[in-house]
Structure formats: C-alpha cells, structure tokens
Protein backbone atom coordinates (compact mmCIF):
# COMPACT_ATOMS: atom_id res chain seq x y z
CA MET A 1 41.91 -7.50 35.78
CA SER A 2 44.03 -5.19 33.67
CA SER A 3 42.72 -6.78 30.48
CA ASN A 4 39.16 -5.93 31.59
CA ASN A 5 40.18 -2.30 32.18
CA ASP A 6 41.85 -2.18 28.76
CA GLU A 7 38.64 -3.40 27.09
CA THR A 8 36.57 -0.81 28.95
CA LYS A 9 38.94 1.99 27.93
CA GLN A 10 38.89 0.78 24.34
CA ASN A 11 35.07 0.67 24.27
CA MET A 12 34.89 4.18 25.73
CA SER A 13 37.29 5.52 23.10
CA VAL A 14 35.19 3.95 20.34
CA ARG A 15 32.01 5.50 21.78
CA GLU A 16 33.66 8.90 22.02
CA LYS A 17 34.94 8.58 18.47
CA ASN A 18 31.46 7.83 17.12
CA ALA A 19 29.52 10.14 19.44
CA HIS A 20 28.69 12.59 16.63
CA VAL A 21 27.29 9.89 14.32
CA HIS A 22 23.50 9.55 14.28
CA GLN A 23 21.81 6.71 12.47
CA ASP A 24 18.56 7.38 10.72
CA ARG A 25 17.23 3.86 10.30
CA ASP A 26 13.71 4.85 9.35
CA ARG A 27 14.70 7.30 6.65
CA SER A 28 13.40 5.24 3.73
CA ALA A 29 10.13 4.60 5.55
CA LYS A 30 9.78 8.33 6.24
CA ILE A 31 10.35 9.12 2.57
CA LEU A 32 7.71 6.62 1.47
CA HIS A 33 5.31 7.84 4.14
CA SER A 34 5.77 11.49 3.19
CA GLN A 35 4.45 10.93 -0.33
CA PHE A 36 0.94 10.78 1.14
CA ASP A 37 1.41 13.54 3.73
CA ASN A 38 1.46 16.62 1.52
CA ILE A 39 -1.42 15.93 -0.86
CA GLY A 40 -4.31 16.91 1.37
CA LEU A 41 -5.06 13.60 3.09
CA THR A 42 -5.84 13.43 6.78
CA LYS A 43 -3.35 11.76 9.07
CA ARG A 44 -5.47 8.61 9.33
CA ASN A 45 -6.05 8.37 5.57
CA SER A 46 -2.38 9.03 4.88
CA GLU A 47 -1.47 6.14 7.17
CA TYR A 48 -3.99 3.88 5.40
CA MET A 49 -2.51 4.74 1.98
CA TYR A 50 1.03 4.15 3.26
CA LYS A 51 0.08 0.69 4.53
CA PHE A 52 -1.84 0.00 1.34
CA ASN A 53 1.18 0.99 -0.74
CA GLN A 54 3.40 -1.37 1.25
CA ALA A 55 0.93 -4.23 0.86
CA LEU A 56 0.50 -3.48 -2.85
CA ALA A 57 4.26 -3.76 -3.33
CA GLY A 58 3.98 -7.43 -2.37
CA THR A 59 1.55 -8.23 -5.20
CA LYS A 60 2.27 -9.29 -8.77
CA LEU A 61 0.73 -6.20 -10.33
CA THR A 62 2.87 -4.20 -12.73
CA ALA A 63 4.29 -0.84 -11.69
CA ALA A 64 1.86 0.94 -14.01
CA GLN A 65 -1.12 -0.88 -12.49
CA LYS A 66 0.07 -0.06 -8.98
CA THR A 67 0.52 3.62 -9.81
CA GLU A 68 -2.87 3.80 -11.51
CA THR A 69 -4.56 2.10 -8.55
CA ILE A 70 -2.96 4.41 -6.00
CA ASN A 71 -3.71 7.56 -8.00
CA LYS A 72 -7.34 6.52 -8.45
CA MET A 73 -7.72 5.72 -4.75
CA VAL A 74 -6.15 9.02 -3.69
CA GLN A 75 -8.58 10.95 -5.89
CA GLU A 76 -11.55 9.01 -4.51
CA LEU A 77 -10.28 9.51 -0.99
CA LEU A 78 -9.84 13.25 -1.42
CA GLU A 79 -13.45 13.46 -2.62
CA GLY A 80 -14.67 11.23 0.22
CA GLN A 81 -12.86 13.29 2.84
CA LYS A 82 -15.01 16.28 1.94
CA SER A 83 -18.02 14.44 3.33
CA GLY A 84 -16.12 13.02 6.33
CA LYS A 85 -15.36 9.55 5.02
CA THR A 86 -12.19 7.68 5.89
CA ALA A 87 -10.37 5.14 3.76
CA ARG A 88 -11.42 2.41 6.15
CA ASN A 89 -15.10 3.41 5.76
CA MET A 90 -14.80 3.43 1.99
CA TRP A 91 -12.82 0.26 1.35
CA GLY A 92 -12.49 -1.73 4.58
CA THR A 93 -9.13 -2.93 5.84
CA VAL A 94 -5.97 -2.78 3.78
CA GLU A 95 -6.02 -6.56 3.37
CA GLU A 96 -9.61 -6.51 2.12
CA ARG A 97 -8.80 -3.80 -0.41
CA ILE A 98 -5.72 -5.68 -1.65
CA GLN A 99 -7.84 -8.79 -2.15
CA PHE A 100 -10.40 -6.74 -4.08
CA ILE A 101 -7.68 -5.23 -6.32
CA VAL A 102 -5.81 -8.49 -6.94
CA ASN A 103 -8.92 -10.69 -7.27
CA PRO A 104 -11.74 -8.45 -8.50
CA PRO A 105 -15.26 -9.81 -8.10
CA LYS A 106 -16.73 -11.57 -11.08
CA ARG A 107 -19.39 -9.89 -13.13
CA LYS A 108 -22.94 -10.36 -11.85
CA PRO A 109 -24.95 -12.75 -14.00
CA ASP A 110 -27.36 -11.09 -16.39
CA PRO A 111 -29.98 -13.50 -17.76
CA LYS A 112 -30.44 -11.62 -21.05
CA ARG A 113 -26.74 -11.25 -21.76
CA ASP A 114 -25.93 -14.80 -20.71
CA TYR A 115 -28.82 -16.24 -22.73
CA CYS A 116 -27.72 -14.35 -25.84
CA GLN A 117 -24.14 -15.48 -25.38
CA MET A 118 -25.27 -19.06 -24.89
CA ARG A 119 -27.43 -18.92 -28.03
CA ALA A 120 -24.57 -17.43 -30.05
CA THR A 121 -22.22 -20.15 -28.83
CA MET A 122 -24.74 -22.88 -29.67
CA ARG A 123 -25.11 -21.50 -33.22
CA CYS A 124 -21.36 -21.73 -33.65
CA TYR A 125 -21.35 -25.34 -32.53
CA SER A 126 -24.41 -26.35 -34.52
CA SER A 127 -23.08 -25.08 -37.84
C-alpha cells in the first residue's frame, strides 16, 4: 500500500513540476493554414486552399510547379469571390482538382489539325 502512495506522490510532483508547460501540437498546421488567411480569401475558400496545399504536397510535382499552381488558383479565386463564387463551385472537390492538375485532360481532337499532322507524317514515311 505504501508503494502505491509513493507512486501517487511522485506523479503529483511531476505534474506540479510541468504545470507551466503548454504544448502547442498544432503549431505547424496553424502556420501553414495562416498563409491563406491574410490574403483576402473567405474562411471557406481559405480552408479549401489549405486542404488543396496539403494534397498537392503528396504529388510528384516540383516545388516551382506547386507554387505556380497555388498562386494561379489564389488569383482566380480572388477574382471569383467578387462574384460570389467559392473554390468548390469553381473547381469541385480538392481530390478532383488534384486529379485535374496531375493528369490534365488531353487536347480535344481537331479534324483539320489532326489531318494535317497525319498527312505530314505520311510524307515523312513515304519519302
């Protein structure tokens, strides 16, 4: 029984010793989140860009491509906000936008362009 009391006293002394210490576990997340807070975005659009930035970090794009993409999106979003648009209205979910950025859609077929390219290729092979 005395060993149990000793452990309790020891735990209390440790708690008292560390009572002034406060852990800020979300500090890095707050710093990353704040980069979108003070540039004129609404709360909802800021949250979208934060989540987009996190998802973009998991892709194989270079740092320059990521920065360029984010800057371009922020500018488009600031313009869209003036007419009441949200990021979700403009681009869909974060996952959909990431897919669009990482795997952009292929160019629409143009019969004239494709025909001319095909003819040019056939000339090269026929020579």
